[in-house]
Amino acid sequence: MVLRINDTIPNLTVSTDHGDISLHEWVGDSWAIIFSHPKDFTPVCTTEFGAVAQLSQEWAKRNTKVLGVSVDGVEDHKKWKVDIESVGRAQPDFPIVADAGLEMAKAFDMLPAEYVLPDGRTPADSATVRSVFIIGPDKQVKLMMTYPMTVGRNFAEILRALDGLQMSAKGVATPADWQIGQDVIVPPAVSTEVAEAKFGSVKTVLPYLRFVSPPS
């Protein structure tokens, strides 16, 4: 299965260190971020989980849940979280899926072009890529990012992208490098007259590039 933007995520029931969860029920009325990792007790992954833990208050401000995915079991996840907290200096209170059979990795297309599943596999064998999915309250994929095993993700950018998605849900678009508080773009399908009535004053830079203050 290949997921695309605007697809509804599979409603899998998965095992986590917080117990079994149904993905659709877990998302509920919130936004959600799902991020995958090759294996527990690996260096890049540990720094990434620490970064996610450090942002716990930021996720909460944005009504967003986070869910990690790794191929190891629940008991390994619990032990690994001790290392994560030590490195990140923040408690990783989000669940981690125990995706030993790669059911979720396959359903979300998290695997590279070639992978093997030998007994005692290493991260290089299963090689779950570093995928990020931002999911809306409608259970649809809003954004996807994929990194190779060797490159740690920039969670400040993931947070910024989440802000952009939540802003764009109000009927606008965001320019390059947009940050909260900056002006936003009027979509081409919206006339200037309608934009002024809905958002207030419109600044026209080009006939197809118009800015307004961010709607509250």
N, C-alpha and C. Protein backbone atom coordinates (compact mmCIF):
# COMPACT_ATOMS: atom_id res chain seq x y z
N MET A 1 0.85 -1.20 0.00
CA MET A 1 0.00 0.00 0.00
C MET A 1 0.88 1.24 0.00
N VAL A 2 0.52 2.22 -0.79
CA VAL A 2 1.22 3.49 -0.83
C VAL A 2 0.26 4.59 -0.36
N LEU A 3 0.63 5.29 0.72
CA LEU A 3 -0.18 6.39 1.20
C LEU A 3 0.20 7.67 0.48
N ARG A 4 -0.81 8.47 0.17
CA ARG A 4 -0.59 9.76 -0.44
C ARG A 4 -1.28 10.83 0.40
N ILE A 5 -0.89 12.08 0.19
CA ILE A 5 -1.55 13.17 0.90
C ILE A 5 -3.05 13.14 0.59
N ASN A 6 -3.85 13.30 1.62
CA ASN A 6 -5.32 13.26 1.61
C ASN A 6 -5.87 11.85 1.69
N ASP A 7 -5.02 10.81 1.70
CA ASP A 7 -5.50 9.46 1.99
C ASP A 7 -5.86 9.33 3.47
N THR A 8 -6.84 8.52 3.76
CA THR A 8 -7.16 8.17 5.14
C THR A 8 -6.20 7.08 5.61
N ILE A 9 -5.64 7.25 6.78
CA ILE A 9 -4.66 6.27 7.27
C ILE A 9 -5.37 4.95 7.59
N PRO A 10 -4.66 3.82 7.47
CA PRO A 10 -5.26 2.54 7.84
C PRO A 10 -5.64 2.54 9.31
N ASN A 11 -6.78 1.96 9.62
CA ASN A 11 -7.22 1.90 11.02
C ASN A 11 -6.70 0.63 11.67
N LEU A 12 -5.39 0.55 11.82
CA LEU A 12 -4.77 -0.62 12.42
C LEU A 12 -4.94 -0.60 13.94
N THR A 13 -4.96 -1.78 14.52
CA THR A 13 -4.81 -1.93 15.97
C THR A 13 -3.40 -2.40 16.23
N VAL A 14 -2.64 -1.64 17.00
CA VAL A 14 -1.22 -1.90 17.18
C VAL A 14 -0.89 -2.00 18.65
N SER A 15 0.18 -2.74 18.96
CA SER A 15 0.67 -2.87 20.33
C SER A 15 1.69 -1.78 20.60
N THR A 16 1.59 -1.14 21.76
CA THR A 16 2.54 -0.11 22.15
C THR A 16 2.92 -0.33 23.62
N ASP A 17 3.89 0.45 24.08
CA ASP A 17 4.25 0.36 25.49
C ASP A 17 3.19 1.01 26.38
N HIS A 18 2.16 1.62 25.79
CA HIS A 18 1.01 2.14 26.53
C HIS A 18 -0.21 1.23 26.38
N GLY A 19 -0.01 0.03 25.81
CA GLY A 19 -1.12 -0.87 25.56
C GLY A 19 -1.53 -0.85 24.10
N ASP A 20 -2.53 -1.66 23.75
CA ASP A 20 -3.02 -1.72 22.38
C ASP A 20 -3.85 -0.47 22.07
N ILE A 21 -3.66 0.06 20.85
CA ILE A 21 -4.45 1.21 20.43
C ILE A 21 -4.96 0.99 19.01
N SER A 22 -6.15 1.52 18.74
CA SER A 22 -6.69 1.62 17.39
C SER A 22 -6.32 2.99 16.86
N LEU A 23 -5.69 3.06 15.70
CA LEU A 23 -5.14 4.33 15.23
C LEU A 23 -6.20 5.42 15.09
N HIS A 24 -7.34 5.10 14.51
CA HIS A 24 -8.38 6.12 14.33
C HIS A 24 -8.91 6.60 15.68
N GLU A 25 -9.12 5.67 16.59
CA GLU A 25 -9.60 6.05 17.92
C GLU A 25 -8.55 6.87 18.66
N TRP A 26 -7.28 6.49 18.48
CA TRP A 26 -6.18 7.22 19.14
C TRP A 26 -6.08 8.65 18.63
N VAL A 27 -6.19 8.85 17.32
CA VAL A 27 -6.15 10.21 16.77
C VAL A 27 -7.32 11.02 17.31
N GLY A 28 -8.50 10.44 17.31
CA GLY A 28 -9.67 11.13 17.83
C GLY A 28 -9.92 12.45 17.13
N ASP A 29 -10.11 13.51 17.92
CA ASP A 29 -10.35 14.86 17.37
C ASP A 29 -9.08 15.69 17.34
N SER A 30 -7.93 15.05 17.52
CA SER A 30 -6.66 15.75 17.57
C SER A 30 -5.94 15.71 16.23
N TRP A 31 -4.88 16.48 16.13
CA TRP A 31 -3.88 16.27 15.11
C TRP A 31 -2.93 15.20 15.64
N ALA A 32 -2.19 14.56 14.75
CA ALA A 32 -1.28 13.51 15.19
C ALA A 32 -0.03 13.49 14.31
N ILE A 33 1.07 13.10 14.92
CA ILE A 33 2.32 12.89 14.19
C ILE A 33 2.79 11.48 14.46
N ILE A 34 3.02 10.73 13.39
CA ILE A 34 3.55 9.37 13.48
C ILE A 34 4.95 9.39 12.88
N PHE A 35 5.93 8.87 13.61
CA PHE A 35 7.30 8.89 13.11
C PHE A 35 7.97 7.54 13.38
N SER A 36 8.64 7.02 12.37
CA SER A 36 9.19 5.67 12.45
C SER A 36 10.70 5.69 12.62
N HIS A 37 11.21 4.57 13.13
CA HIS A 37 12.64 4.42 13.42
C HIS A 37 13.08 3.00 13.10
N PRO A 38 14.35 2.81 12.72
CA PRO A 38 14.83 1.46 12.36
C PRO A 38 14.82 0.48 13.52
N LYS A 39 15.19 0.94 14.74
CA LYS A 39 15.37 -0.01 15.83
C LYS A 39 15.62 0.74 17.13
N ASP A 40 15.27 0.10 18.25
CA ASP A 40 15.59 0.67 19.56
C ASP A 40 17.11 0.62 19.81
N PHE A 41 17.54 1.41 20.76
CA PHE A 41 18.94 1.42 21.19
C PHE A 41 19.91 1.71 20.04
N THR A 42 19.50 2.61 19.16
CA THR A 42 20.39 3.05 18.08
C THR A 42 20.62 4.56 18.24
N PRO A 43 21.77 5.06 17.79
CA PRO A 43 22.19 6.41 18.18
C PRO A 43 21.32 7.54 17.65
N VAL A 44 21.07 7.56 16.34
CA VAL A 44 20.29 8.68 15.78
C VAL A 44 18.88 8.66 16.34
N CYS A 45 18.29 7.48 16.43
CA CYS A 45 16.93 7.35 16.94
C CYS A 45 16.80 7.89 18.36
N THR A 46 17.79 7.60 19.18
CA THR A 46 17.74 8.05 20.57
C THR A 46 17.73 9.57 20.66
N THR A 47 18.53 10.23 19.84
CA THR A 47 18.53 11.70 19.85
C THR A 47 17.20 12.24 19.33
N GLU A 48 16.60 11.56 18.36
CA GLU A 48 15.33 12.03 17.81
C GLU A 48 14.19 11.89 18.82
N PHE A 49 14.12 10.75 19.48
CA PHE A 49 13.08 10.58 20.49
C PHE A 49 13.26 11.58 21.62
N GLY A 50 14.51 11.88 21.96
CA GLY A 50 14.76 12.90 22.96
C GLY A 50 14.25 14.26 22.53
N ALA A 51 14.45 14.59 21.25
CA ALA A 51 13.96 15.87 20.72
C ALA A 51 12.44 15.94 20.77
N VAL A 52 11.78 14.84 20.45
CA VAL A 52 10.31 14.81 20.51
C VAL A 52 9.83 15.00 21.94
N ALA A 53 10.51 14.34 22.88
CA ALA A 53 10.13 14.48 24.29
C ALA A 53 10.28 15.91 24.77
N GLN A 54 11.32 16.59 24.33
CA GLN A 54 11.55 17.98 24.73
C GLN A 54 10.42 18.91 24.26
N LEU A 55 9.73 18.52 23.20
CA LEU A 55 8.67 19.36 22.62
C LEU A 55 7.27 19.00 23.13
N SER A 56 7.19 18.26 24.21
CA SER A 56 5.88 17.77 24.66
C SER A 56 4.88 18.89 24.89
N GLN A 57 5.33 20.02 25.47
CA GLN A 57 4.40 21.12 25.71
C GLN A 57 3.97 21.79 24.40
N GLU A 58 4.88 21.81 23.42
CA GLU A 58 4.53 22.39 22.12
C GLU A 58 3.49 21.54 21.41
N TRP A 59 3.63 20.22 21.46
CA TRP A 59 2.60 19.35 20.87
C TRP A 59 1.26 19.59 21.54
N ALA A 60 1.27 19.68 22.88
CA ALA A 60 0.02 19.85 23.61
C ALA A 60 -0.66 21.18 23.24
N LYS A 61 0.12 22.25 23.08
CA LYS A 61 -0.44 23.55 22.70
C LYS A 61 -1.19 23.46 21.37
N ARG A 62 -0.75 22.57 20.52
CA ARG A 62 -1.30 22.44 19.17
C ARG A 62 -2.30 21.30 19.06
N ASN A 63 -2.76 20.77 20.21
CA ASN A 63 -3.73 19.67 20.22
C ASN A 63 -3.24 18.52 19.34
N THR A 64 -1.97 18.15 19.54
CA THR A 64 -1.33 17.15 18.68
C THR A 64 -0.75 16.01 19.52
N LYS A 65 -1.05 14.80 19.10
CA LYS A 65 -0.49 13.60 19.73
C LYS A 65 0.68 13.11 18.89
N VAL A 66 1.63 12.44 19.52
CA VAL A 66 2.76 11.86 18.79
C VAL A 66 2.85 10.37 19.07
N LEU A 67 3.27 9.64 18.06
CA LEU A 67 3.36 8.18 18.14
C LEU A 67 4.62 7.71 17.44
N GLY A 68 5.52 7.07 18.18
CA GLY A 68 6.71 6.50 17.58
C GLY A 68 6.43 5.10 17.06
N VAL A 69 7.25 4.66 16.12
CA VAL A 69 7.15 3.30 15.57
C VAL A 69 8.54 2.72 15.50
N SER A 70 8.74 1.53 16.05
CA SER A 70 10.02 0.85 15.96
C SER A 70 9.78 -0.66 15.90
N VAL A 71 10.72 -1.39 15.36
CA VAL A 71 10.50 -2.82 15.09
C VAL A 71 10.66 -3.69 16.33
N ASP A 72 11.13 -3.15 17.42
CA ASP A 72 11.37 -3.96 18.62
C ASP A 72 10.11 -4.07 19.47
N GLY A 73 10.21 -4.88 20.52
CA GLY A 73 9.06 -5.18 21.35
C GLY A 73 8.81 -4.17 22.45
N VAL A 74 7.69 -4.35 23.14
CA VAL A 74 7.26 -3.42 24.17
C VAL A 74 8.27 -3.31 25.30
N GLU A 75 8.82 -4.44 25.75
CA GLU A 75 9.77 -4.39 26.86
C GLU A 75 11.04 -3.64 26.47
N ASP A 76 11.48 -3.82 25.24
CA ASP A 76 12.64 -3.04 24.77
C ASP A 76 12.32 -1.55 24.75
N HIS A 77 11.11 -1.21 24.31
CA HIS A 77 10.71 0.20 24.27
C HIS A 77 10.79 0.82 25.67
N LYS A 78 10.29 0.09 26.66
CA LYS A 78 10.30 0.61 28.03
C LYS A 78 11.73 0.83 28.53
N LYS A 79 12.61 -0.13 28.23
CA LYS A 79 14.01 0.02 28.65
C LYS A 79 14.70 1.15 27.88
N TRP A 80 14.40 1.26 26.60
CA TRP A 80 15.02 2.30 25.77
C TRP A 80 14.64 3.69 26.24
N LYS A 81 13.42 3.84 26.75
CA LYS A 81 12.98 5.15 27.19
C LYS A 81 13.83 5.71 28.33
N VAL A 82 14.48 4.84 29.08
CA VAL A 82 15.41 5.31 30.11
C VAL A 82 16.58 6.04 29.46
N ASP A 83 17.10 5.46 28.38
CA ASP A 83 18.19 6.12 27.64
C ASP A 83 17.71 7.41 26.99
N ILE A 84 16.52 7.36 26.42
CA ILE A 84 15.97 8.54 25.74
C ILE A 84 15.85 9.71 26.72
N GLU A 85 15.32 9.43 27.91
CA GLU A 85 15.17 10.48 28.91
C GLU A 85 16.53 11.01 29.36
N SER A 86 17.51 10.12 29.47
CA SER A 86 18.85 10.54 29.86
C SER A 86 19.47 11.47 28.83
N VAL A 87 19.31 11.13 27.56
CA VAL A 87 19.90 11.93 26.48
C VAL A 87 19.12 13.23 26.26
N GLY A 88 17.79 13.13 26.22
CA GLY A 88 16.96 14.30 25.92
C GLY A 88 16.64 15.15 27.12
N ARG A 89 16.87 14.61 28.32
CA ARG A 89 16.55 15.31 29.56
C ARG A 89 15.09 15.74 29.60
N ALA A 90 14.25 14.86 29.08
CA ALA A 90 12.81 15.07 29.09
C ALA A 90 12.15 13.70 29.04
N GLN A 91 11.03 13.56 29.71
CA GLN A 91 10.36 12.27 29.78
C GLN A 91 9.62 11.97 28.48
N PRO A 92 9.93 10.85 27.81
CA PRO A 92 9.21 10.48 26.59
C PRO A 92 7.89 9.81 26.94
N ASP A 93 6.85 10.62 27.13
CA ASP A 93 5.59 10.09 27.61
C ASP A 93 4.64 9.66 26.50
N PHE A 94 5.12 9.65 25.26
CA PHE A 94 4.29 9.23 24.13
C PHE A 94 4.47 7.73 23.90
N PRO A 95 3.48 7.07 23.30
CA PRO A 95 3.60 5.63 23.04
C PRO A 95 4.51 5.33 21.86
N ILE A 96 5.10 4.13 21.88
CA ILE A 96 5.91 3.63 20.77
C ILE A 96 5.31 2.30 20.32
N VAL A 97 4.99 2.20 19.05
CA VAL A 97 4.43 0.96 18.49
C VAL A 97 5.51 -0.11 18.44
N ALA A 98 5.14 -1.32 18.85
CA ALA A 98 6.03 -2.49 18.75
C ALA A 98 5.71 -3.19 17.43
N ASP A 99 6.37 -2.74 16.36
CA ASP A 99 6.03 -3.20 15.01
C ASP A 99 6.95 -4.33 14.56
N ALA A 100 7.02 -5.39 15.38
CA ALA A 100 7.97 -6.47 15.12
C ALA A 100 7.72 -7.15 13.77
N GLY A 101 6.46 -7.28 13.38
CA GLY A 101 6.13 -7.92 12.12
C GLY A 101 6.06 -6.97 10.94
N LEU A 102 6.39 -5.71 11.18
CA LEU A 102 6.40 -4.67 10.15
C LEU A 102 5.02 -4.42 9.53
N GLU A 103 3.96 -4.77 10.24
CA GLU A 103 2.61 -4.54 9.71
C GLU A 103 2.38 -3.05 9.45
N MET A 104 2.74 -2.23 10.42
CA MET A 104 2.52 -0.79 10.27
C MET A 104 3.51 -0.20 9.27
N ALA A 105 4.76 -0.67 9.31
CA ALA A 105 5.76 -0.18 8.36
C ALA A 105 5.33 -0.43 6.93
N LYS A 106 4.73 -1.59 6.68
CA LYS A 106 4.27 -1.92 5.33
C LYS A 106 3.01 -1.12 4.97
N ALA A 107 2.09 -1.00 5.92
CA ALA A 107 0.83 -0.29 5.64
C ALA A 107 1.07 1.18 5.35
N PHE A 108 2.10 1.76 5.98
CA PHE A 108 2.41 3.17 5.79
C PHE A 108 3.56 3.37 4.81
N ASP A 109 4.02 2.29 4.18
CA ASP A 109 5.09 2.36 3.19
C ASP A 109 6.35 3.00 3.79
N MET A 110 6.78 2.48 4.94
CA MET A 110 7.94 3.02 5.65
C MET A 110 9.24 2.30 5.32
N LEU A 111 9.21 1.35 4.43
CA LEU A 111 10.39 0.54 4.15
C LEU A 111 11.10 0.99 2.88
N PRO A 112 12.42 0.81 2.82
CA PRO A 112 13.16 1.18 1.62
C PRO A 112 12.91 0.18 0.50
N ALA A 113 13.54 0.39 -0.62
CA ALA A 113 13.31 -0.45 -1.80
C ALA A 113 13.65 -1.91 -1.53
N GLU A 114 14.70 -2.16 -0.76
CA GLU A 114 15.11 -3.54 -0.47
C GLU A 114 15.25 -3.70 1.03
N TYR A 115 14.65 -4.76 1.56
CA TYR A 115 14.81 -5.03 2.98
C TYR A 115 14.71 -6.53 3.21
N VAL A 116 15.30 -7.02 4.29
CA VAL A 116 15.25 -8.43 4.65
C VAL A 116 14.89 -8.53 6.12
N LEU A 117 14.36 -9.70 6.51
CA LEU A 117 13.90 -9.89 7.88
C LEU A 117 14.49 -11.15 8.49
N PRO A 118 15.82 -11.25 8.62
CA PRO A 118 16.41 -12.44 9.22
C PRO A 118 16.21 -12.44 10.73
N ASP A 119 16.36 -13.60 11.35
CA ASP A 119 16.36 -13.65 12.81
C ASP A 119 17.53 -12.83 13.34
N GLY A 120 17.32 -12.14 14.45
CA GLY A 120 18.37 -11.32 15.01
C GLY A 120 18.76 -10.17 14.11
N ARG A 121 17.79 -9.65 13.35
CA ARG A 121 18.08 -8.62 12.37
C ARG A 121 18.68 -7.37 13.01
N THR A 122 19.45 -6.67 12.26
CA THR A 122 20.01 -5.39 12.67
C THR A 122 19.23 -4.28 12.00
N PRO A 123 19.45 -3.01 12.37
CA PRO A 123 18.78 -1.92 11.67
C PRO A 123 19.04 -1.93 10.18
N ALA A 124 20.23 -2.41 9.78
CA ALA A 124 20.56 -2.44 8.35
C ALA A 124 19.73 -3.47 7.60
N ASP A 125 19.19 -4.47 8.33
CA ASP A 125 18.38 -5.50 7.67
C ASP A 125 16.97 -5.00 7.39
N SER A 126 16.25 -4.62 8.43
CA SER A 126 14.87 -4.16 8.24
C SER A 126 14.86 -2.72 7.72
N ALA A 127 15.82 -1.92 8.19
CA ALA A 127 16.08 -0.59 7.62
C ALA A 127 14.84 0.27 7.46
N THR A 128 13.95 0.24 8.46
CA THR A 128 12.79 1.12 8.39
C THR A 128 13.26 2.55 8.22
N VAL A 129 12.81 3.20 7.17
CA VAL A 129 13.25 4.57 6.92
C VAL A 129 12.65 5.51 7.96
N ARG A 130 13.25 6.71 8.07
CA ARG A 130 12.76 7.68 9.04
C ARG A 130 11.62 8.47 8.39
N SER A 131 10.42 7.98 8.58
CA SER A 131 9.24 8.61 7.98
C SER A 131 8.50 9.45 9.01
N VAL A 132 7.88 10.51 8.53
CA VAL A 132 7.01 11.35 9.37
C VAL A 132 5.69 11.53 8.64
N PHE A 133 4.61 11.32 9.36
CA PHE A 133 3.27 11.57 8.83
C PHE A 133 2.56 12.52 9.78
N ILE A 134 2.07 13.64 9.25
CA ILE A 134 1.20 14.50 10.04
C ILE A 134 -0.23 14.21 9.61
N ILE A 135 -1.05 13.87 10.59
CA ILE A 135 -2.42 13.41 10.35
C ILE A 135 -3.39 14.44 10.92
N GLY A 136 -4.42 14.77 10.16
CA GLY A 136 -5.44 15.70 10.63
C GLY A 136 -6.50 15.00 11.46
N PRO A 137 -7.36 15.76 12.13
CA PRO A 137 -8.45 15.16 12.90
C PRO A 137 -9.41 14.34 12.04
N ASP A 138 -9.38 14.57 10.73
CA ASP A 138 -10.20 13.77 9.82
C ASP A 138 -9.55 12.44 9.46
N LYS A 139 -8.41 12.13 10.10
CA LYS A 139 -7.66 10.87 9.92
C LYS A 139 -6.97 10.80 8.56
N GLN A 140 -6.85 11.94 7.89
CA GLN A 140 -6.19 11.96 6.58
C GLN A 140 -4.75 12.44 6.71
N VAL A 141 -3.91 11.95 5.80
CA VAL A 141 -2.51 12.38 5.75
C VAL A 141 -2.45 13.80 5.22
N LYS A 142 -1.84 14.68 5.97
CA LYS A 142 -1.69 16.08 5.56
C LYS A 142 -0.28 16.39 5.06
N LEU A 143 0.70 15.65 5.53
CA LEU A 143 2.10 15.88 5.16
C LEU A 143 2.90 14.63 5.40
N MET A 144 3.89 14.39 4.53
CA MET A 144 4.81 13.26 4.68
C MET A 144 6.23 13.74 4.47
N MET A 145 7.15 13.24 5.29
CA MET A 145 8.58 13.47 5.11
C MET A 145 9.29 12.13 5.25
N THR A 146 10.34 11.92 4.48
CA THR A 146 11.11 10.69 4.58
C THR A 146 12.59 11.00 4.55
N TYR A 147 13.30 10.48 5.53
CA TYR A 147 14.74 10.66 5.66
C TYR A 147 15.41 9.28 5.60
N PRO A 148 16.67 9.22 5.19
CA PRO A 148 17.41 7.96 5.27
C PRO A 148 17.81 7.66 6.71
N MET A 149 18.33 6.47 6.93
CA MET A 149 18.70 6.05 8.28
C MET A 149 19.76 6.95 8.91
N THR A 150 20.63 7.53 8.10
CA THR A 150 21.81 8.22 8.62
C THR A 150 21.60 9.68 8.95
N VAL A 151 20.44 10.24 8.63
CA VAL A 151 20.22 11.68 8.80
C VAL A 151 19.10 11.91 9.82
N GLY A 152 19.44 12.55 10.93
CA GLY A 152 18.44 12.87 11.93
C GLY A 152 17.49 13.96 11.46
N ARG A 153 16.26 13.86 11.89
CA ARG A 153 15.25 14.81 11.47
C ARG A 153 15.31 16.12 12.26
N ASN A 154 14.82 17.18 11.64
CA ASN A 154 14.74 18.49 12.26
C ASN A 154 13.32 18.66 12.80
N PHE A 155 13.14 18.43 14.09
CA PHE A 155 11.79 18.48 14.65
C PHE A 155 11.28 19.91 14.80
N ALA A 156 12.17 20.89 14.78
CA ALA A 156 11.71 22.27 14.72
C ALA A 156 11.00 22.52 13.40
N GLU A 157 11.49 21.93 12.32
CA GLU A 157 10.82 22.07 11.03
C GLU A 157 9.49 21.31 11.02
N ILE A 158 9.45 20.15 11.65
CA ILE A 158 8.20 19.41 11.73
C ILE A 158 7.16 20.21 12.51
N LEU A 159 7.60 20.86 13.58
CA LEU A 159 6.69 21.72 14.35
C LEU A 159 6.22 22.90 13.49
N ARG A 160 7.14 23.50 12.72
CA ARG A 160 6.78 24.61 11.84
C ARG A 160 5.78 24.16 10.77
N ALA A 161 6.02 22.97 10.22
CA ALA A 161 5.10 22.45 9.21
C ALA A 161 3.72 22.20 9.80
N LEU A 162 3.67 21.70 11.02
CA LEU A 162 2.39 21.50 11.71
C LEU A 162 1.67 22.83 11.87
N ASP A 163 2.41 23.87 12.26
CA ASP A 163 1.80 25.20 12.38
C ASP A 163 1.24 25.66 11.03
N GLY A 164 1.99 25.41 9.95
CA GLY A 164 1.53 25.79 8.63
C GLY A 164 0.28 25.05 8.22
N LEU A 165 0.21 23.78 8.53
CA LEU A 165 -0.98 22.99 8.21
C LEU A 165 -2.20 23.48 8.98
N GLN A 166 -1.99 23.75 10.26
CA GLN A 166 -3.12 24.21 11.06
C GLN A 166 -3.58 25.60 10.62
N MET A 167 -2.63 26.43 10.16
CA MET A 167 -3.01 27.73 9.61
C MET A 167 -3.74 27.57 8.28
N SER A 168 -3.23 26.71 7.42
CA SER A 168 -3.84 26.55 6.10
C SER A 168 -5.24 25.97 6.18
N ALA A 169 -5.55 25.29 7.28
CA ALA A 169 -6.89 24.76 7.48
C ALA A 169 -7.91 25.89 7.63
N LYS A 170 -7.43 27.12 7.83
CA LYS A 170 -8.32 28.27 7.95
C LYS A 170 -8.59 28.94 6.60
N GLY A 171 -8.13 28.31 5.51
CA GLY A 171 -8.45 28.82 4.18
C GLY A 171 -7.38 29.67 3.55
N VAL A 172 -6.15 29.61 4.06
CA VAL A 172 -5.04 30.38 3.49
C VAL A 172 -3.89 29.42 3.17
N ALA A 173 -2.80 29.97 2.65
CA ALA A 173 -1.58 29.20 2.41
C ALA A 173 -0.42 29.93 3.08
N THR A 174 0.71 29.25 3.24
CA THR A 174 1.85 29.89 3.90
C THR A 174 3.04 29.94 2.95
N PRO A 175 3.80 31.03 2.97
CA PRO A 175 4.96 31.16 2.09
C PRO A 175 6.17 30.38 2.63
N ALA A 176 7.24 30.41 1.87
CA ALA A 176 8.47 29.75 2.29
C ALA A 176 8.94 30.30 3.63
N ASP A 177 9.40 29.40 4.50
CA ASP A 177 10.00 29.76 5.79
C ASP A 177 9.02 30.46 6.73
N TRP A 178 7.73 30.32 6.48
CA TRP A 178 6.72 30.99 7.29
C TRP A 178 6.82 30.59 8.76
N GLN A 179 6.60 31.55 9.63
CA GLN A 179 6.54 31.32 11.07
C GLN A 179 5.26 31.94 11.61
N ILE A 180 4.82 31.46 12.76
CA ILE A 180 3.60 31.98 13.39
C ILE A 180 3.70 33.50 13.56
N GLY A 181 2.64 34.19 13.19
CA GLY A 181 2.58 35.64 13.31
C GLY A 181 2.85 36.36 12.00
N GLN A 182 3.49 35.69 11.05
CA GLN A 182 3.78 36.33 9.77
C GLN A 182 2.57 36.27 8.84
N ASP A 183 2.57 37.16 7.83
CA ASP A 183 1.47 37.20 6.87
C ASP A 183 1.36 35.87 6.11
N VAL A 184 0.16 35.63 5.63
CA VAL A 184 -0.12 34.39 4.90
C VAL A 184 -0.65 34.74 3.51
N ILE A 185 -0.73 33.74 2.66
CA ILE A 185 -1.08 33.93 1.25
C ILE A 185 -2.55 33.63 1.00
N VAL A 186 -3.15 34.46 0.17
CA VAL A 186 -4.52 34.21 -0.30
C VAL A 186 -4.46 33.19 -1.45
N PRO A 187 -5.16 32.07 -1.37
CA PRO A 187 -5.16 31.11 -2.46
C PRO A 187 -5.65 31.72 -3.77
N PRO A 188 -5.10 31.32 -4.91
CA PRO A 188 -5.51 31.89 -6.20
C PRO A 188 -6.99 31.79 -6.49
N ALA A 189 -7.64 30.74 -5.96
CA ALA A 189 -9.07 30.55 -6.25
C ALA A 189 -9.96 31.55 -5.51
N VAL A 190 -9.39 32.28 -4.56
CA VAL A 190 -10.18 33.25 -3.78
C VAL A 190 -9.96 34.64 -4.36
N SER A 191 -11.03 35.32 -4.72
CA SER A 191 -10.90 36.67 -5.27
C SER A 191 -10.46 37.65 -4.20
N THR A 192 -9.90 38.77 -4.64
CA THR A 192 -9.47 39.79 -3.69
C THR A 192 -10.65 40.32 -2.88
N GLU A 193 -11.79 40.48 -3.54
CA GLU A 193 -12.97 40.97 -2.85
C GLU A 193 -13.40 40.02 -1.73
N VAL A 194 -13.41 38.75 -2.04
CA VAL A 194 -13.79 37.76 -1.03
C VAL A 194 -12.75 37.71 0.09
N ALA A 195 -11.46 37.79 -0.30
CA ALA A 195 -10.39 37.77 0.70
C ALA A 195 -10.49 38.95 1.65
N GLU A 196 -10.79 40.14 1.11
CA GLU A 196 -10.92 41.33 1.96
C GLU A 196 -12.09 41.18 2.92
N ALA A 197 -13.18 40.61 2.44
CA ALA A 197 -14.34 40.42 3.30
C ALA A 197 -14.06 39.39 4.39
N LYS A 198 -13.24 38.41 4.06
CA LYS A 198 -13.00 37.31 5.00
C LYS A 198 -11.82 37.57 5.92
N PHE A 199 -10.74 38.16 5.36
CA PHE A 199 -9.49 38.28 6.11
C PHE A 199 -9.06 39.72 6.40
N GLY A 200 -9.68 40.70 5.77
CA GLY A 200 -9.26 42.07 5.96
C GLY A 200 -8.40 42.56 4.80
N SER A 201 -7.56 43.55 5.05
CA SER A 201 -6.75 44.18 4.02
C SER A 201 -5.87 43.18 3.28
N VAL A 202 -5.81 43.32 1.95
CA VAL A 202 -5.01 42.44 1.10
C VAL A 202 -3.84 43.23 0.51
N LYS A 203 -2.64 42.69 0.64
CA LYS A 203 -1.45 43.30 0.03
C LYS A 203 -1.11 42.51 -1.23
N THR A 204 -1.20 43.14 -2.39
CA THR A 204 -0.94 42.46 -3.66
C THR A 204 0.51 42.71 -4.08
N VAL A 205 1.28 41.65 -4.18
CA VAL A 205 2.68 41.72 -4.64
C VAL A 205 2.75 41.43 -6.13
N LEU A 206 2.03 40.42 -6.55
CA LEU A 206 1.85 40.03 -7.94
C LEU A 206 0.38 39.67 -8.10
N PRO A 207 -0.14 39.66 -9.33
CA PRO A 207 -1.55 39.32 -9.48
C PRO A 207 -1.92 37.98 -8.83
N TYR A 208 -0.97 37.07 -8.77
CA TYR A 208 -1.25 35.75 -8.18
C TYR A 208 -0.61 35.57 -6.80
N LEU A 209 0.01 36.63 -6.25
CA LEU A 209 0.66 36.55 -4.94
C LEU A 209 0.13 37.69 -4.07
N ARG A 210 -0.79 37.31 -3.17
CA ARG A 210 -1.46 38.31 -2.33
C ARG A 210 -1.35 37.86 -0.86
N PHE A 211 -1.07 38.81 0.01
CA PHE A 211 -0.88 38.50 1.42
C PHE A 211 -1.96 39.14 2.28
N VAL A 212 -2.28 38.45 3.38
CA VAL A 212 -3.18 39.01 4.41
C VAL A 212 -2.58 38.67 5.77
N SER A 213 -3.07 39.36 6.77
CA SER A 213 -2.67 39.01 8.14
C SER A 213 -3.23 37.62 8.48
N PRO A 214 -2.52 36.87 9.30
CA PRO A 214 -2.99 35.52 9.61
C PRO A 214 -4.33 35.55 10.34
N PRO A 215 -5.30 34.78 9.90
CA PRO A 215 -6.59 34.74 10.61
C PRO A 215 -6.41 34.11 11.98
N SER A 216 -7.16 34.60 12.94
CA SER A 216 -7.06 34.08 14.30
C SER A 216 -7.89 32.80 14.43
